[in-house]
PDB file of N, CA and C in Angstrom:
ATOM      1  N   MET A   1     -13.540 -23.427  16.493  1.00  0.00           N
ATOM      2  CA  MET A   1     -14.017 -22.054  16.617  1.00  0.00           C
ATOM      3  C   MET A   1     -12.843 -21.079  16.547  1.00  0.00           C
ATOM      4  N   ARG A   2     -11.804 -21.400  17.305  1.00  0.00           N
ATOM      5  CA  ARG A   2     -10.636 -20.525  17.323  1.00  0.00           C
ATOM      6  C   ARG A   2      -9.956 -20.493  15.954  1.00  0.00           C
ATOM      7  N   SER A   3      -9.870 -21.663  15.307  1.00  0.00           N
ATOM      8  CA  SER A   3      -9.206 -21.727  14.003  1.00  0.00           C
ATOM      9  C   SER A   3      -9.976 -20.905  12.970  1.00  0.00           C
ATOM     10  N   ALA A   4     -11.303 -20.921  13.070  1.00  0.00           N
ATOM     11  CA  ALA A   4     -12.123 -20.148  12.143  1.00  0.00           C
ATOM     12  C   ALA A   4     -11.887 -18.655  12.358  1.00  0.00           C
ATOM     13  N   TYR A   5     -11.732 -18.264  13.616  1.00  0.00           N
ATOM     14  CA  TYR A   5     -11.476 -16.858  13.943  1.00  0.00           C
ATOM     15  C   TYR A   5     -10.132 -16.417  13.385  1.00  0.00           C
ATOM     16  N   VAL A   6      -9.131 -17.274  13.538  1.00  0.00           N
ATOM     17  CA  VAL A   6      -7.794 -16.963  13.033  1.00  0.00           C
ATOM     18  C   VAL A   6      -7.817 -16.853  11.514  1.00  0.00           C
ATOM     19  N   LEU A   7      -8.539 -17.759  10.861  1.00  0.00           N
ATOM     20  CA  LEU A   7      -8.635 -17.739   9.406  1.00  0.00           C
ATOM     21  C   LEU A   7      -9.286 -16.445   8.933  1.00  0.00           C
ATOM     22  N   SER A   8     -10.366 -16.050   9.608  1.00  0.00           N
ATOM     23  CA  SER A   8     -11.066 -14.822   9.247  1.00  0.00           C
ATOM     24  C   SER A   8     -10.144 -13.617   9.426  1.00  0.00           C
ATOM     25  N   PHE A   9      -9.415 -13.609  10.531  1.00  0.00           N
ATOM     26  CA  PHE A   9      -8.486 -12.509  10.812  1.00  0.00           C
ATOM     27  C   PHE A   9      -7.409 -12.434   9.739  1.00  0.00           C
ATOM     28  N   THR A  10      -6.909 -13.602   9.325  1.00  0.00           N
ATOM     29  CA  THR A  10      -5.867 -13.649   8.294  1.00  0.00           C
ATOM     30  C   THR A  10      -6.398 -13.121   6.967  1.00  0.00           C
ATOM     31  N   GLN A  11      -7.620 -13.506   6.617  1.00  0.00           N
ATOM     32  CA  GLN A  11      -8.218 -13.044   5.363  1.00  0.00           C
ATOM     33  C   GLN A  11      -8.376 -11.528   5.362  1.00  0.00           C
ATOM     34  N   TRP A  12      -8.835 -10.970   6.493  1.00  0.00           N
ATOM     35  CA  TRP A  12      -8.993  -9.520   6.589  1.00  0.00           C
ATOM     36  C   TRP A  12      -7.636  -8.838   6.523  1.00  0.00           C
ATOM     37  N   GLY A  13      -6.619  -9.463   7.117  1.00  0.00           N
ATOM     38  CA  GLY A  13      -5.270  -8.900   7.090  1.00  0.00           C
ATOM     39  C   GLY A  13      -4.734  -8.849   5.674  1.00  0.00           C
ATOM     40  N   LEU A  14      -4.932  -9.925   4.923  1.00  0.00           N
ATOM     41  CA  LEU A  14      -4.473  -9.969   3.532  1.00  0.00           C
ATOM     42  C   LEU A  14      -5.227  -8.944   2.690  1.00  0.00           C
ATOM     43  N   LEU A  15      -6.512  -8.807   2.945  1.00  0.00           N
ATOM     44  CA  LEU A  15      -7.323  -7.844   2.204  1.00  0.00           C
ATOM     45  C   LEU A  15      -6.827  -6.426   2.467  1.00  0.00           C
ATOM     46  N   ALA A  16      -6.562  -6.138   3.742  1.00  0.00           N
ATOM     47  CA  ALA A  16      -6.074  -4.810   4.107  1.00  0.00           C
ATOM     48  C   ALA A  16      -4.711  -4.544   3.482  1.00  0.00           C
ATOM     49  N   TRP A  17      -3.832  -5.545   3.503  1.00  0.00           N
ATOM     50  CA  TRP A  17      -2.496  -5.402   2.928  1.00  0.00           C
ATOM     51  C   TRP A  17      -2.581  -5.181   1.418  1.00  0.00           C
ATOM     52  N   SER A  18      -3.435  -5.946   0.731  1.00  0.00           N
ATOM     53  CA  SER A  18      -3.598  -5.799  -0.717  1.00  0.00           C
ATOM     54  C   SER A  18      -4.073  -4.390  -1.052  1.00  0.00           C
ATOM     55  N   THR A  19      -5.051  -3.913  -0.284  1.00  0.00           N
ATOM     56  CA  THR A  19      -5.587  -2.577  -0.506  1.00  0.00           C
ATOM     57  C   THR A  19      -4.506  -1.526  -0.318  1.00  0.00           C
ATOM     58  N   TYR A  20      -3.688  -1.708   0.727  1.00  0.00           N
ATOM     59  CA  TYR A  20      -2.601  -0.770   1.006  1.00  0.00           C
ATOM     60  C   TYR A  20      -1.597  -0.734  -0.142  1.00  0.00           C
ATOM     61  N   VAL A  21      -1.188  -1.905  -0.609  1.00  0.00           N
ATOM     62  CA  VAL A  21      -0.201  -1.989  -1.691  1.00  0.00           C
ATOM     63  C   VAL A  21      -0.741  -1.363  -2.977  1.00  0.00           C
ATOM     64  N   ILE A  22      -1.982  -1.700  -3.320  1.00  0.00           N
ATOM     65  CA  ILE A  22      -2.592  -1.164  -4.540  1.00  0.00           C
ATOM     66  C   ILE A  22      -2.707   0.354  -4.457  1.00  0.00           C
ATOM     67  N   THR A  23      -3.140   0.848  -3.297  1.00  0.00           N
ATOM     68  CA  THR A  23      -3.287   2.289  -3.116  1.00  0.00           C
ATOM     69  C   THR A  23      -1.943   2.987  -3.217  1.00  0.00           C
ATOM     70  N   LYS A  24      -0.929   2.401  -2.598  1.00  0.00           N
ATOM     71  CA  LYS A  24       0.411   2.986  -2.627  1.00  0.00           C
ATOM     72  C   LYS A  24       0.934   3.054  -4.056  1.00  0.00           C
ATOM     73  N   ARG A  25       0.730   1.991  -4.816  1.00  0.00           N
ATOM     74  CA  ARG A  25       1.204   1.962  -6.198  1.00  0.00           C
ATOM     75  C   ARG A  25       0.444   2.963  -7.050  1.00  0.00           C
ATOM     76  N   ALA A  26      -0.860   3.022  -6.863  1.00  0.00           N
ATOM     77  CA  ALA A  26      -1.673   3.964  -7.631  1.00  0.00           C
ATOM     78  C   ALA A  26      -1.234   5.396  -7.334  1.00  0.00           C
ATOM     79  N   PHE A  27      -0.958   5.681  -6.076  1.00  0.00           N
ATOM     80  CA  PHE A  27      -0.501   7.015  -5.686  1.00  0.00           C
ATOM     81  C   PHE A  27       0.839   7.331  -6.332  1.00  0.00           C
ATOM     82  N   ALA A  28       1.745   6.367  -6.302  1.00  0.00           N
ATOM     83  CA  ALA A  28       3.072   6.568  -6.889  1.00  0.00           C
ATOM     84  C   ALA A  28       2.968   6.792  -8.395  1.00  0.00           C
ATOM     85  N   TYR A  29       2.135   6.022  -9.062  1.00  0.00           N
ATOM     86  CA  TYR A  29       1.988   6.153 -10.510  1.00  0.00           C
ATOM     87  C   TYR A  29       1.400   7.517 -10.883  1.00  0.00           C
ATOM     88  N   SER A  30       0.400   7.950 -10.126  1.00  0.00           N
ATOM     89  CA  SER A  30      -0.294   9.183 -10.479  1.00  0.00           C
ATOM     90  C   SER A  30       0.503  10.431 -10.102  1.00  0.00           C
ATOM     91  N   VAL A  31       1.272  10.358  -9.020  1.00  0.00           N
ATOM     92  CA  VAL A  31       1.977  11.536  -8.524  1.00  0.00           C
ATOM     93  C   VAL A  31       3.435  11.566  -8.963  1.00  0.00           C
ATOM     94  N   LEU A  32       4.115  10.455  -8.812  1.00  0.00           N
ATOM     95  CA  LEU A  32       5.552  10.436  -9.079  1.00  0.00           C
ATOM     96  C   LEU A  32       5.897   9.983 -10.490  1.00  0.00           C
ATOM     97  N   ARG A  33       4.947   9.246 -11.122  1.00  0.00           N
ATOM     98  CA  ARG A  33       5.175   8.742 -12.473  1.00  0.00           C
ATOM     99  C   ARG A  33       6.364   7.790 -12.529  1.00  0.00           C
ATOM    100  N   VAL A  34       6.570   7.039 -11.481  1.00  0.00           N
ATOM    101  CA  VAL A  34       7.667   6.073 -11.468  1.00  0.00           C
ATOM    102  C   VAL A  34       7.141   4.718 -11.034  1.00  0.00           C
ATOM    103  N   PRO A  35       7.741   3.627 -11.542  1.00  0.00           N
ATOM    104  CA  PRO A  35       7.329   2.285 -11.135  1.00  0.00           C
ATOM    105  C   PRO A  35       7.731   1.998  -9.700  1.00  0.00           C
ATOM    106  N   VAL A  36       6.887   1.265  -9.001  1.00  0.00           N
ATOM    107  CA  VAL A  36       7.184   0.913  -7.607  1.00  0.00           C
ATOM    108  C   VAL A  36       7.283  -0.593  -7.501  1.00  0.00           C
TER     109      VAL A  36
END
């Protein structure tokens, strides 16, 4: 049960991190016009 909870938490963490990175890059590309 605990391992399943940890796995779920890790998946959500990776999803949140991916979203953050993609958003940051999209913002940089659209506003700064420079590669990140």
